[in-house]
Amino acid sequence: MTETQVAFIGTVRKQFKGSKYVPSIHDGIMNAAAKWNLNLSTDDGKRFTDFEFQGANTMRLGNRCIKGTTKSNYDDHLRQLWRFCSIKGDYDSMLLLVTPTPKHAPAMKVETIEEFLRFK
């Protein structure tokens, strides 16, 4: 890792330490949903600003027979991916992580996943 990458990661960690979301996430996700003609329910004042951690009860992995701790660990990685996408501003990729996932949501960008794995 170069000095520039280390400095960037340090800056990001300081900037978002203790904060649960970036204020513009909701607007970005709603704009991305409109671009893809997706309907996101905002009933009951729901705002798409923070990742909904479901832990061992997550249904993001389908009906697979997986232990609760494994599901919780997977959900934690998805939360980190949510945060990375919000920092990057890739709201199209975040549509797959919204709960409940909209039908016909676009695939995540390969570049975003690759950068997330390098960032991690």
PDB file of N, CA and C in Angstrom:
ATOM      1  N   MET A   1       0.850  -1.169   0.000  1.00  0.00           N
ATOM      2  CA  MET A   1       0.000   0.000   0.000  1.00  0.00           C
ATOM      3  C   MET A   1       0.903   1.241   0.000  1.00  0.00           C
ATOM      4  N   THR A   2       0.563   2.212  -0.825  1.00  0.00           N
ATOM      5  CA  THR A   2       1.377   3.419  -0.929  1.00  0.00           C
ATOM      6  C   THR A   2       1.062   4.381   0.220  1.00  0.00           C
ATOM      7  N   GLU A   3       1.907   5.372   0.388  1.00  0.00           N
ATOM      8  CA  GLU A   3       1.689   6.376   1.437  1.00  0.00           C
ATOM      9  C   GLU A   3       0.403   7.166   1.189  1.00  0.00           C
ATOM     10  N   THR A   4       0.093   7.411  -0.081  1.00  0.00           N
ATOM     11  CA  THR A   4      -1.118   8.139  -0.421  1.00  0.00           C
ATOM     12  C   THR A   4      -2.363   7.353  -0.007  1.00  0.00           C
ATOM     13  N   GLN A   5      -2.358   6.038  -0.264  1.00  0.00           N
ATOM     14  CA  GLN A   5      -3.489   5.200   0.119  1.00  0.00           C
ATOM     15  C   GLN A   5      -3.652   5.150   1.636  1.00  0.00           C
ATOM     16  N   VAL A   6      -2.537   5.040   2.345  1.00  0.00           N
ATOM     17  CA  VAL A   6      -2.585   5.014   3.812  1.00  0.00           C
ATOM     18  C   VAL A   6      -3.128   6.332   4.345  1.00  0.00           C
ATOM     19  N   ALA A   7      -2.698   7.456   3.756  1.00  0.00           N
ATOM     20  CA  ALA A   7      -3.177   8.769   4.184  1.00  0.00           C
ATOM     21  C   ALA A   7      -4.676   8.912   3.904  1.00  0.00           C
ATOM     22  N   PHE A   8      -5.120   8.419   2.738  1.00  0.00           N
ATOM     23  CA  PHE A   8      -6.544   8.494   2.394  1.00  0.00           C
ATOM     24  C   PHE A   8      -7.373   7.697   3.393  1.00  0.00           C
ATOM     25  N   ILE A   9      -6.956   6.483   3.692  1.00  0.00           N
ATOM     26  CA  ILE A   9      -7.686   5.631   4.631  1.00  0.00           C
ATOM     27  C   ILE A   9      -7.738   6.293   6.006  1.00  0.00           C
ATOM     28  N   GLY A  10      -6.633   6.872   6.444  1.00  0.00           N
ATOM     29  CA  GLY A  10      -6.610   7.567   7.732  1.00  0.00           C
ATOM     30  C   GLY A  10      -7.565   8.749   7.758  1.00  0.00           C
ATOM     31  N   THR A  11      -7.615   9.499   6.668  1.00  0.00           N
ATOM     32  CA  THR A  11      -8.527  10.638   6.575  1.00  0.00           C
ATOM     33  C   THR A  11      -9.977  10.187   6.624  1.00  0.00           C
ATOM     34  N   VAL A  12     -10.295   9.124   5.890  1.00  0.00           N
ATOM     35  CA  VAL A  12     -11.663   8.611   5.874  1.00  0.00           C
ATOM     36  C   VAL A  12     -12.067   8.138   7.261  1.00  0.00           C
ATOM     37  N   ARG A  13     -11.173   7.420   7.935  1.00  0.00           N
ATOM     38  CA  ARG A  13     -11.494   6.919   9.272  1.00  0.00           C
ATOM     39  C   ARG A  13     -11.726   8.055  10.255  1.00  0.00           C
ATOM     40  N   LYS A  14     -10.936   9.098  10.187  1.00  0.00           N
ATOM     41  CA  LYS A  14     -11.125  10.246  11.081  1.00  0.00           C
ATOM     42  C   LYS A  14     -12.427  10.975  10.762  1.00  0.00           C
ATOM     43  N   GLN A  15     -12.717  11.118   9.479  1.00  0.00           N
ATOM     44  CA  GLN A  15     -13.887  11.867   9.049  1.00  0.00           C
ATOM     45  C   GLN A  15     -15.192  11.191   9.472  1.00  0.00           C
ATOM     46  N   PHE A  16     -15.241   9.868   9.416  1.00  0.00           N
ATOM     47  CA  PHE A  16     -16.475   9.161   9.697  1.00  0.00           C
ATOM     48  C   PHE A  16     -16.472   8.430  11.031  1.00  0.00           C
ATOM     49  N   LYS A  17     -15.459   8.643  11.846  1.00  0.00           N
ATOM     50  CA  LYS A  17     -15.398   7.969  13.140  1.00  0.00           C
ATOM     51  C   LYS A  17     -16.571   8.433  14.002  1.00  0.00           C
ATOM     52  N   GLY A  18     -17.343   7.472  14.463  1.00  0.00           N
ATOM     53  CA  GLY A  18     -18.468   7.775  15.338  1.00  0.00           C
ATOM     54  C   GLY A  18     -19.745   8.148  14.614  1.00  0.00           C
ATOM     55  N   SER A  19     -19.682   8.454  13.324  1.00  0.00           N
ATOM     56  CA  SER A  19     -20.914   8.800  12.620  1.00  0.00           C
ATOM     57  C   SER A  19     -21.492   7.540  11.990  1.00  0.00           C
ATOM     58  N   LYS A  20     -22.803   7.447  11.973  1.00  0.00           N
ATOM     59  CA  LYS A  20     -23.447   6.254  11.457  1.00  0.00           C
ATOM     60  C   LYS A  20     -23.781   6.371   9.977  1.00  0.00           C
ATOM     61  N   TYR A  21     -23.799   7.564   9.442  1.00  0.00           N
ATOM     62  CA  TYR A  21     -24.161   7.724   8.041  1.00  0.00           C
ATOM     63  C   TYR A  21     -23.667   9.061   7.514  1.00  0.00           C
ATOM     64  N   VAL A  22     -23.652   9.132   6.211  1.00  0.00           N
ATOM     65  CA  VAL A  22     -23.355  10.379   5.522  1.00  0.00           C
ATOM     66  C   VAL A  22     -24.710  10.995   5.170  1.00  0.00           C
ATOM     67  N   PRO A  23     -24.947  12.268   5.495  1.00  0.00           N
ATOM     68  CA  PRO A  23     -26.284  12.858   5.324  1.00  0.00           C
ATOM     69  C   PRO A  23     -26.888  12.775   3.925  1.00  0.00           C
ATOM     70  N   SER A  24     -26.080  12.700   2.891  1.00  0.00           N
ATOM     71  CA  SER A  24     -26.634  12.716   1.533  1.00  0.00           C
ATOM     72  C   SER A  24     -27.010  11.327   1.012  1.00  0.00           C
ATOM     73  N   ILE A  25     -26.869  10.298   1.812  1.00  0.00           N
ATOM     74  CA  ILE A  25     -27.120   8.933   1.337  1.00  0.00           C
ATOM     75  C   ILE A  25     -28.568   8.751   0.891  1.00  0.00           C
ATOM     76  N   HIS A  26     -29.508   9.208   1.685  1.00  0.00           N
ATOM     77  CA  HIS A  26     -30.918   9.016   1.352  1.00  0.00           C
ATOM     78  C   HIS A  26     -31.247   9.615  -0.007  1.00  0.00           C
ATOM     79  N   ASP A  27     -30.824  10.841  -0.223  1.00  0.00           N
ATOM     80  CA  ASP A  27     -31.102  11.500  -1.507  1.00  0.00           C
ATOM     81  C   ASP A  27     -30.435  10.758  -2.666  1.00  0.00           C
ATOM     82  N   GLY A  28     -29.207  10.302  -2.460  1.00  0.00           N
ATOM     83  CA  GLY A  28     -28.492   9.577  -3.508  1.00  0.00           C
ATOM     84  C   GLY A  28     -29.176   8.270  -3.874  1.00  0.00           C
ATOM     85  N   ILE A  29     -29.641   7.539  -2.852  1.00  0.00           N
ATOM     86  CA  ILE A  29     -30.326   6.269  -3.113  1.00  0.00           C
ATOM     87  C   ILE A  29     -31.662   6.512  -3.811  1.00  0.00           C
ATOM     88  N   MET A  30     -32.391   7.530  -3.384  1.00  0.00           N
ATOM     89  CA  MET A  30     -33.678   7.825  -4.024  1.00  0.00           C
ATOM     90  C   MET A  30     -33.473   8.237  -5.485  1.00  0.00           C
ATOM     91  N   ASN A  31     -32.432   9.013  -5.765  1.00  0.00           N
ATOM     92  CA  ASN A  31     -32.139   9.409  -7.146  1.00  0.00           C
ATOM     93  C   ASN A  31     -31.739   8.199  -7.990  1.00  0.00           C
ATOM     94  N   ALA A  32     -30.934   7.294  -7.411  1.00  0.00           N
ATOM     95  CA  ALA A  32     -30.531   6.084  -8.134  1.00  0.00           C
ATOM     96  C   ALA A  32     -31.746   5.199  -8.415  1.00  0.00           C
ATOM     97  N   ALA A  33     -32.642   5.091  -7.430  1.00  0.00           N
ATOM     98  CA  ALA A  33     -33.859   4.289  -7.623  1.00  0.00           C
ATOM     99  C   ALA A  33     -34.727   4.881  -8.729  1.00  0.00           C
ATOM    100  N   ALA A  34     -34.824   6.202  -8.763  1.00  0.00           N
ATOM    101  CA  ALA A  34     -35.620   6.854  -9.813  1.00  0.00           C
ATOM    102  C   ALA A  34     -34.981   6.621 -11.188  1.00  0.00           C
ATOM    103  N   LYS A  35     -33.658   6.647 -11.235  1.00  0.00           N
ATOM    104  CA  LYS A  35     -32.950   6.428 -12.500  1.00  0.00           C
ATOM    105  C   LYS A  35     -33.234   5.031 -13.052  1.00  0.00           C
ATOM    106  N   TRP A  36     -33.351   4.036 -12.163  1.00  0.00           N
ATOM    107  CA  TRP A  36     -33.593   2.654 -12.564  1.00  0.00           C
ATOM    108  C   TRP A  36     -35.081   2.293 -12.529  1.00  0.00           C
ATOM    109  N   ASN A  37     -35.948   3.264 -12.316  1.00  0.00           N
ATOM    110  CA  ASN A  37     -37.403   3.053 -12.238  1.00  0.00           C
ATOM    111  C   ASN A  37     -37.780   2.026 -11.168  1.00  0.00           C
ATOM    112  N   LEU A  38     -37.173   2.152 -10.004  1.00  0.00           N
ATOM    113  CA  LEU A  38     -37.460   1.257  -8.877  1.00  0.00           C
ATOM    114  C   LEU A  38     -38.304   2.001  -7.857  1.00  0.00           C
ATOM    115  N   ASN A  39     -39.187   1.283  -7.209  1.00  0.00           N
ATOM    116  CA  ASN A  39     -40.010   1.873  -6.155  1.00  0.00           C
ATOM    117  C   ASN A  39     -39.449   1.489  -4.798  1.00  0.00           C
ATOM    118  N   LEU A  40     -39.030   2.484  -4.041  1.00  0.00           N
ATOM    119  CA  LEU A  40     -38.574   2.252  -2.672  1.00  0.00           C
ATOM    120  C   LEU A  40     -39.627   2.818  -1.736  1.00  0.00           C
ATOM    121  N   SER A  41     -40.062   2.001  -0.811  1.00  0.00           N
ATOM    122  CA  SER A  41     -41.098   2.421   0.124  1.00  0.00           C
ATOM    123  C   SER A  41     -40.517   3.341   1.185  1.00  0.00           C
ATOM    124  N   THR A  42     -41.090   4.518   1.302  1.00  0.00           N
ATOM    125  CA  THR A  42     -40.683   5.449   2.353  1.00  0.00           C
ATOM    126  C   THR A  42     -41.815   5.629   3.354  1.00  0.00           C
ATOM    127  N   ASP A  43     -42.656   4.599   3.467  1.00  0.00           N
ATOM    128  CA  ASP A  43     -43.746   4.639   4.446  1.00  0.00           C
ATOM    129  C   ASP A  43     -43.171   4.748   5.854  1.00  0.00           C
ATOM    130  N   ASP A  44     -43.937   5.299   6.723  1.00  0.00           N
ATOM    131  CA  ASP A  44     -43.537   5.475   8.130  1.00  0.00           C
ATOM    132  C   ASP A  44     -42.272   6.313   8.269  1.00  0.00           C
ATOM    133  N   GLY A  45     -42.007   7.172   7.304  1.00  0.00           N
ATOM    134  CA  GLY A  45     -40.860   8.065   7.399  1.00  0.00           C
ATOM    135  C   GLY A  45     -39.520   7.379   7.265  1.00  0.00           C
ATOM    136  N   LYS A  46     -39.488   6.213   6.624  1.00  0.00           N
ATOM    137  CA  LYS A  46     -38.236   5.472   6.484  1.00  0.00           C
ATOM    138  C   LYS A  46     -37.254   6.270   5.648  1.00  0.00           C
ATOM    139  N   ARG A  47     -36.021   6.347   6.154  1.00  0.00           N
ATOM    140  CA  ARG A  47     -34.956   7.026   5.430  1.00  0.00           C
ATOM    141  C   ARG A  47     -33.834   6.036   5.197  1.00  0.00           C
ATOM    142  N   PHE A  48     -33.289   6.071   4.003  1.00  0.00           N
ATOM    143  CA  PHE A  48     -32.216   5.155   3.641  1.00  0.00           C
ATOM    144  C   PHE A  48     -30.876   5.825   3.926  1.00  0.00           C
ATOM    145  N   THR A  49     -30.555   5.959   5.195  1.00  0.00           N
ATOM    146  CA  THR A  49     -29.307   6.612   5.561  1.00  0.00           C
ATOM    147  C   THR A  49     -28.332   5.666   6.227  1.00  0.00           C
ATOM    148  N   ASP A  50     -28.807   4.591   6.816  1.00  0.00           N
ATOM    149  CA  ASP A  50     -27.936   3.677   7.536  1.00  0.00           C
ATOM    150  C   ASP A  50     -28.252   2.249   7.133  1.00  0.00           C
ATOM    151  N   PHE A  51     -27.262   1.394   7.183  1.00  0.00           N
ATOM    152  CA  PHE A  51     -27.428  -0.013   6.848  1.00  0.00           C
ATOM    153  C   PHE A  51     -28.250  -0.687   7.939  1.00  0.00           C
ATOM    154  N   GLU A  52     -29.264  -1.449   7.540  1.00  0.00           N
ATOM    155  CA  GLU A  52     -30.092  -2.159   8.511  1.00  0.00           C
ATOM    156  C   GLU A  52     -29.436  -3.485   8.852  1.00  0.00           C
ATOM    157  N   PHE A  53     -28.715  -3.509   9.970  1.00  0.00           N
ATOM    158  CA  PHE A  53     -28.027  -4.720  10.410  1.00  0.00           C
ATOM    159  C   PHE A  53     -29.054  -5.695  10.951  1.00  0.00           C
ATOM    160  N   GLN A  54     -29.090  -6.897  10.369  1.00  0.00           N
ATOM    161  CA  GLN A  54     -30.062  -7.896  10.786  1.00  0.00           C
ATOM    162  C   GLN A  54     -29.431  -9.048  11.550  1.00  0.00           C
ATOM    163  N   GLY A  55     -28.105  -9.145  11.531  1.00  0.00           N
ATOM    164  CA  GLY A  55     -27.406 -10.163  12.298  1.00  0.00           C
ATOM    165  C   GLY A  55     -27.788 -11.577  11.915  1.00  0.00           C
ATOM    166  N   ALA A  56     -28.009 -12.417  12.930  1.00  0.00           N
ATOM    167  CA  ALA A  56     -28.286 -13.839  12.705  1.00  0.00           C
ATOM    168  C   ALA A  56     -29.632 -14.072  12.040  1.00  0.00           C
ATOM    169  N   ASN A  57     -30.519 -13.082  12.046  1.00  0.00           N
ATOM    170  CA  ASN A  57     -31.848 -13.234  11.459  1.00  0.00           C
ATOM    171  C   ASN A  57     -31.922 -12.737  10.017  1.00  0.00           C
ATOM    172  N   THR A  58     -30.797 -12.435   9.414  1.00  0.00           N
ATOM    173  CA  THR A  58     -30.782 -11.865   8.078  1.00  0.00           C
ATOM    174  C   THR A  58     -31.363 -12.821   7.039  1.00  0.00           C
ATOM    175  N   MET A  59     -32.079 -12.256   6.097  1.00  0.00           N
ATOM    176  CA  MET A  59     -32.611 -13.026   4.977  1.00  0.00           C
ATOM    177  C   MET A  59     -31.886 -12.646   3.689  1.00  0.00           C
ATOM    178  N   ARG A  60     -30.814 -11.876   3.801  1.00  0.00           N
ATOM    179  CA  ARG A  60     -30.057 -11.463   2.618  1.00  0.00           C
ATOM    180  C   ARG A  60     -29.366 -12.646   1.951  1.00  0.00           C
ATOM    181  N   LEU A  61     -29.174 -13.736   2.683  1.00  0.00           N
ATOM    182  CA  LEU A  61     -28.462 -14.895   2.162  1.00  0.00           C
ATOM    183  C   LEU A  61     -29.413 -15.970   1.667  1.00  0.00           C
ATOM    184  N   GLY A  62     -30.679 -15.650   1.581  1.00  0.00           N
ATOM    185  CA  GLY A  62     -31.663 -16.623   1.119  1.00  0.00           C
ATOM    186  C   GLY A  62     -32.030 -17.609   2.211  1.00  0.00           C
ATOM    187  N   ASN A  63     -32.400 -18.800   1.811  1.00  0.00           N
ATOM    188  CA  ASN A  63     -32.832 -19.819   2.767  1.00  0.00           C
ATOM    189  C   ASN A  63     -31.741 -20.836   3.052  1.00  0.00           C
ATOM    190  N   ARG A  64     -30.514 -20.446   2.902  1.00  0.00           N
ATOM    191  CA  ARG A  64     -29.409 -21.373   3.144  1.00  0.00           C
ATOM    192  C   ARG A  64     -29.350 -21.761   4.616  1.00  0.00           C
ATOM    193  N   CYS A  65     -28.925 -22.969   4.848  1.00  0.00           N
ATOM    194  CA  CYS A  65     -28.771 -23.470   6.218  1.00  0.00           C
ATOM    195  C   CYS A  65     -27.389 -23.050   6.725  1.00  0.00           C
ATOM    196  N   ILE A  66     -27.318 -21.867   7.308  1.00  0.00           N
ATOM    197  CA  ILE A  66     -26.060 -21.302   7.789  1.00  0.00           C
ATOM    198  C   ILE A  66     -26.241 -20.924   9.260  1.00  0.00           C
ATOM    199  N   LYS A  67     -25.204 -21.152  10.046  1.00  0.00           N
ATOM    200  CA  LYS A  67     -25.258 -20.808  11.470  1.00  0.00           C
ATOM    201  C   LYS A  67     -25.456 -19.303  11.652  1.00  0.00           C
ATOM    202  N   GLY A  68     -26.060 -18.927  12.755  1.00  0.00           N
ATOM    203  CA  GLY A  68     -26.354 -17.532  13.039  1.00  0.00           C
ATOM    204  C   GLY A  68     -25.122 -16.657  13.109  1.00  0.00           C
ATOM    205  N   THR A  69     -24.019 -17.176  13.661  1.00  0.00           N
ATOM    206  CA  THR A  69     -22.802 -16.364  13.751  1.00  0.00           C
ATOM    207  C   THR A  69     -22.230 -16.071  12.371  1.00  0.00           C
ATOM    208  N   THR A  70     -22.334 -17.038  11.462  1.00  0.00           N
ATOM    209  CA  THR A  70     -21.852 -16.824  10.096  1.00  0.00           C
ATOM    210  C   THR A  70     -22.700 -15.774   9.395  1.00  0.00           C
ATOM    211  N   LYS A  71     -24.019 -15.864   9.559  1.00  0.00           N
ATOM    212  CA  LYS A  71     -24.910 -14.854   8.970  1.00  0.00           C
ATOM    213  C   LYS A  71     -24.584 -13.473   9.516  1.00  0.00           C
ATOM    214  N   SER A  72     -24.326 -13.403  10.804  1.00  0.00           N
ATOM    215  CA  SER A  72     -24.000 -12.127  11.432  1.00  0.00           C
ATOM    216  C   SER A  72     -22.691 -11.569  10.875  1.00  0.00           C
ATOM    217  N   ASN A  73     -21.698 -12.440  10.687  1.00  0.00           N
ATOM    218  CA  ASN A  73     -20.419 -12.001  10.110  1.00  0.00           C
ATOM    219  C   ASN A  73     -20.598 -11.506   8.684  1.00  0.00           C
ATOM    220  N   TYR A  74     -21.389 -12.229   7.879  1.00  0.00           N
ATOM    221  CA  TYR A  74     -21.654 -11.801   6.510  1.00  0.00           C
ATOM    222  C   TYR A  74     -22.357 -10.444   6.499  1.00  0.00           C
ATOM    223  N   ASP A  75     -23.316 -10.273   7.390  1.00  0.00           N
ATOM    224  CA  ASP A  75     -24.047  -9.014   7.460  1.00  0.00           C
ATOM    225  C   ASP A  75     -23.110  -7.862   7.836  1.00  0.00           C
ATOM    226  N   ASP A  76     -22.138  -8.153   8.676  1.00  0.00           N
ATOM    227  CA  ASP A  76     -21.163  -7.130   9.059  1.00  0.00           C
ATOM    228  C   ASP A  76     -20.328  -6.708   7.851  1.00  0.00           C
ATOM    229  N   HIS A  77     -19.927  -7.657   7.018  1.00  0.00           N
ATOM    230  CA  HIS A  77     -19.173  -7.324   5.806  1.00  0.00           C
ATOM    231  C   HIS A  77     -20.027  -6.509   4.838  1.00  0.00           C
ATOM    232  N   LEU A  78     -21.301  -6.841   4.736  1.00  0.00           N
ATOM    233  CA  LEU A  78     -22.197  -6.064   3.879  1.00  0.00           C
ATOM    234  C   LEU A  78     -22.371  -4.646   4.414  1.00  0.00           C
ATOM    235  N   ARG A  79     -22.380  -4.492   5.738  1.00  0.00           N
ATOM    236  CA  ARG A  79     -22.458  -3.159   6.340  1.00  0.00           C
ATOM    237  C   ARG A  79     -21.223  -2.338   5.969  1.00  0.00           C
ATOM    238  N   GLN A  80     -20.061  -2.986   5.997  1.00  0.00           N
ATOM    239  CA  GLN A  80     -18.828  -2.293   5.615  1.00  0.00           C
ATOM    240  C   GLN A  80     -18.864  -1.897   4.136  1.00  0.00           C
ATOM    241  N   LEU A  81     -19.424  -2.789   3.308  1.00  0.00           N
ATOM    242  CA  LEU A  81     -19.560  -2.468   1.884  1.00  0.00           C
ATOM    243  C   LEU A  81     -20.513  -1.295   1.686  1.00  0.00           C
ATOM    244  N   TRP A  82     -21.597  -1.244   2.456  1.00  0.00           N
ATOM    245  CA  TRP A  82     -22.542  -0.117   2.427  1.00  0.00           C
ATOM    246  C   TRP A  82     -21.804   1.188   2.728  1.00  0.00           C
ATOM    247  N   ARG A  83     -21.013   1.154   3.773  1.00  0.00           N
ATOM    248  CA  ARG A  83     -20.289   2.369   4.180  1.00  0.00           C
ATOM    249  C   ARG A  83     -19.294   2.797   3.107  1.00  0.00           C
ATOM    250  N   PHE A  84     -18.590   1.814   2.515  1.00  0.00           N
ATOM    251  CA  PHE A  84     -17.629   2.130   1.464  1.00  0.00           C
ATOM    252  C   PHE A  84     -18.330   2.759   0.261  1.00  0.00           C
ATOM    253  N   CYS A  85     -19.454   2.167  -0.144  1.00  0.00           N
ATOM    254  CA  CYS A  85     -20.200   2.716  -1.286  1.00  0.00           C
ATOM    255  C   CYS A  85     -20.689   4.130  -0.988  1.00  0.00           C
ATOM    256  N   SER A  86     -21.085   4.379   0.268  1.00  0.00           N
ATOM    257  CA  SER A  86     -21.559   5.722   0.610  1.00  0.00           C
ATOM    258  C   SER A  86     -20.420   6.730   0.572  1.00  0.00           C
ATOM    259  N   ILE A  87     -19.243   6.328   0.983  1.00  0.00           N
ATOM    260  CA  ILE A  87     -18.080   7.219   0.922  1.00  0.00           C
ATOM    261  C   ILE A  87     -17.728   7.510  -0.533  1.00  0.00           C
ATOM    262  N   LYS A  88     -17.791   6.471  -1.345  1.00  0.00           N
ATOM    263  CA  LYS A  88     -17.461   6.613  -2.762  1.00  0.00           C
ATOM    264  C   LYS A  88     -18.550   7.339  -3.544  1.00  0.00           C
ATOM    265  N   GLY A  89     -19.791   7.260  -3.057  1.00  0.00           N
ATOM    266  CA  GLY A  89     -20.907   7.896  -3.749  1.00  0.00           C
ATOM    267  C   GLY A  89     -21.515   7.018  -4.828  1.00  0.00           C
ATOM    268  N   ASP A  90     -21.322   5.704  -4.720  1.00  0.00           N
ATOM    269  CA  ASP A  90     -21.870   4.763  -5.704  1.00  0.00           C
ATOM    270  C   ASP A  90     -23.229   4.267  -5.210  1.00  0.00           C
ATOM    271  N   TYR A  91     -24.251   5.080  -5.407  1.00  0.00           N
ATOM    272  CA  TYR A  91     -25.583   4.766  -4.894  1.00  0.00           C
ATOM    273  C   TYR A  91     -26.286   3.687  -5.716  1.00  0.00           C
ATOM    274  N   ASP A  92     -25.901   3.524  -6.986  1.00  0.00           N
ATOM    275  CA  ASP A  92     -26.479   2.450  -7.791  1.00  0.00           C
ATOM    276  C   ASP A  92     -26.139   1.086  -7.187  1.00  0.00           C
ATOM    277  N   SER A  93     -24.910   0.918  -6.753  1.00  0.00           N
ATOM    278  CA  SER A  93     -24.498  -0.344  -6.140  1.00  0.00           C
ATOM    279  C   SER A  93     -25.160  -0.561  -4.788  1.00  0.00           C
ATOM    280  N   MET A  94     -25.497   0.508  -4.106  1.00  0.00           N
ATOM    281  CA  MET A  94     -26.113   0.398  -2.784  1.00  0.00           C
ATOM    282  C   MET A  94     -27.555  -0.101  -2.852  1.00  0.00           C
ATOM    283  N   LEU A  95     -28.170  -0.040  -4.029  1.00  0.00           N
ATOM    284  CA  LEU A  95     -29.562  -0.483  -4.145  1.00  0.00           C
ATOM    285  C   LEU A  95     -29.731  -1.952  -3.787  1.00  0.00           C
ATOM    286  N   LEU A  96     -28.695  -2.779  -4.022  1.00  0.00           N
ATOM    287  CA  LEU A  96     -28.772  -4.189  -3.648  1.00  0.00           C
ATOM    288  C   LEU A  96     -28.715  -4.392  -2.135  1.00  0.00           C
ATOM    289  N   LEU A  97     -28.229  -3.416  -1.403  1.00  0.00           N
ATOM    290  CA  LEU A  97     -28.076  -3.550   0.042  1.00  0.00           C
ATOM    291  C   LEU A  97     -29.231  -2.941   0.824  1.00  0.00           C
ATOM    292  N   VAL A  98     -30.159  -2.293   0.123  1.00  0.00           N
ATOM    293  CA  VAL A  98     -31.318  -1.690   0.776  1.00  0.00           C
ATOM    294  C   VAL A  98     -32.240  -2.806   1.264  1.00  0.00           C
ATOM    295  N   THR A  99     -32.854  -2.593   2.434  1.00  0.00           N
ATOM    296  CA  THR A  99     -33.800  -3.572   2.972  1.00  0.00           C
ATOM    297  C   THR A  99     -35.203  -3.011   2.880  1.00  0.00           C
ATOM    298  N   PRO A 100     -36.147  -3.674   2.268  1.00  0.00           N
ATOM    299  CA  PRO A 100     -36.010  -4.874   1.439  1.00  0.00           C
ATOM    300  C   PRO A 100     -35.420  -4.530   0.075  1.00  0.00           C
ATOM    301  N   THR A 101     -34.708  -5.481  -0.486  1.00  0.00           N
ATOM    302  CA  THR A 101     -34.058  -5.260  -1.780  1.00  0.00           C
ATOM    303  C   THR A 101     -35.118  -5.100  -2.868  1.00  0.00           C
ATOM    304  N   PRO A 102     -35.046  -4.003  -3.634  1.00  0.00           N
ATOM    305  CA  PRO A 102     -36.045  -3.798  -4.689  1.00  0.00           C
ATOM    306  C   PRO A 102     -35.918  -4.847  -5.798  1.00  0.00           C
ATOM    307  N   LYS A 103     -37.052  -5.231  -6.346  1.00  0.00           N
ATOM    308  CA  LYS A 103     -37.061  -6.182  -7.445  1.00  0.00           C
ATOM    309  C   LYS A 103     -36.422  -5.513  -8.661  1.00  0.00           C
ATOM    310  N   HIS A 104     -35.592  -6.245  -9.361  1.00  0.00           N
ATOM    311  CA  HIS A 104     -34.896  -5.773 -10.571  1.00  0.00           C
ATOM    312  C   HIS A 104     -33.858  -4.687 -10.264  1.00  0.00           C
ATOM    313  N   ALA A 105     -33.248  -4.755  -9.084  1.00  0.00           N
ATOM    314  CA  ALA A 105     -32.173  -3.806  -8.752  1.00  0.00           C
ATOM    315  C   ALA A 105     -30.963  -4.100  -9.633  1.00  0.00           C
ATOM    316  N   PRO A 106     -30.206  -3.074 -10.014  1.00  0.00           N
ATOM    317  CA  PRO A 106     -29.041  -3.302 -10.880  1.00  0.00           C
ATOM    318  C   PRO A 106     -27.919  -4.012 -10.115  1.00  0.00           C
ATOM    319  N   ALA A 107     -27.057  -4.659 -10.860  1.00  0.00           N
ATOM    320  CA  ALA A 107     -25.903  -5.335 -10.262  1.00  0.00           C
ATOM    321  C   ALA A 107     -24.913  -4.294  -9.731  1.00  0.00           C
ATOM    322  N   MET A 108     -24.112  -4.727  -8.779  1.00  0.00           N
ATOM    323  CA  MET A 108     -23.080  -3.829  -8.262  1.00  0.00           C
ATOM    324  C   MET A 108     -21.981  -3.682  -9.305  1.00  0.00           C
ATOM    325  N   LYS A 109     -21.327  -2.545  -9.294  1.00  0.00           N
ATOM    326  CA  LYS A 109     -20.233  -2.314 -10.233  1.00  0.00           C
ATOM    327  C   LYS A 109     -19.018  -3.131  -9.799  1.00  0.00           C
ATOM    328  N   VAL A 110     -18.389  -3.794 -10.749  1.00  0.00           N
ATOM    329  CA  VAL A 110     -17.217  -4.612 -10.467  1.00  0.00           C
ATOM    330  C   VAL A 110     -16.105  -3.740  -9.889  1.00  0.00           C
ATOM    331  N   GLU A 111     -15.972  -2.531 -10.394  1.00  0.00           N
ATOM    332  CA  GLU A 111     -14.927  -1.626  -9.912  1.00  0.00           C
ATOM    333  C   GLU A 111     -15.111  -1.322  -8.425  1.00  0.00           C
ATOM    334  N   THR A 112     -16.348  -1.152  -8.010  1.00  0.00           N
ATOM    335  CA  THR A 112     -16.627  -0.848  -6.602  1.00  0.00           C
ATOM    336  C   THR A 112     -16.244  -2.026  -5.720  1.00  0.00           C
ATOM    337  N   ILE A 113     -16.599  -3.227  -6.138  1.00  0.00           N
ATOM    338  CA  ILE A 113     -16.265  -4.412  -5.343  1.00  0.00           C
ATOM    339  C   ILE A 113     -14.757  -4.594  -5.266  1.00  0.00           C
ATOM    340  N   GLU A 114     -14.072  -4.390  -6.390  1.00  0.00           N
ATOM    341  CA  GLU A 114     -12.620  -4.532  -6.404  1.00  0.00           C
ATOM    342  C   GLU A 114     -11.964  -3.493  -5.492  1.00  0.00           C
ATOM    343  N   GLU A 115     -12.415  -2.251  -5.575  1.00  0.00           N
ATOM    344  CA  GLU A 115     -11.853  -1.207  -4.712  1.00  0.00           C
ATOM    345  C   GLU A 115     -12.144  -1.483  -3.243  1.00  0.00           C
ATOM    346  N   PHE A 116     -13.333  -2.024  -2.952  1.00  0.00           N
ATOM    347  CA  PHE A 116     -13.674  -2.362  -1.566  1.00  0.00           C
ATOM    348  C   PHE A 116     -12.735  -3.434  -1.029  1.00  0.00           C
ATOM    349  N   LEU A 117     -12.462  -4.456  -1.840  1.00  0.00           N
ATOM    350  CA  LEU A 117     -11.560  -5.513  -1.393  1.00  0.00           C
ATOM    351  C   LEU A 117     -10.142  -4.985  -1.180  1.00  0.00           C
ATOM    352  N   ARG A 118      -9.715  -4.060  -2.006  1.00  0.00           N
ATOM    353  CA  ARG A 118      -8.381  -3.457  -1.811  1.00  0.00           C
ATOM    354  C   ARG A 118      -8.376  -2.545  -0.587  1.00  0.00           C
ATOM    355  N   PHE A 119      -9.485  -1.841  -0.362  1.00  0.00           N
ATOM    356  CA  PHE A 119      -9.602  -0.925   0.775  1.00  0.00           C
ATOM    357  C   PHE A 119      -9.576  -1.691   2.090  1.00  0.00           C
ATOM    358  N   LYS A 120     -10.258  -2.840   2.079  1.00  0.00           N
ATOM    359  CA  LYS A 120     -10.364  -3.657   3.273  1.00  0.00           C
ATOM    360  C   LYS A 120      -9.027  -4.210   3.626  1.00  0.00           C
TER     361      LYS A 120
END
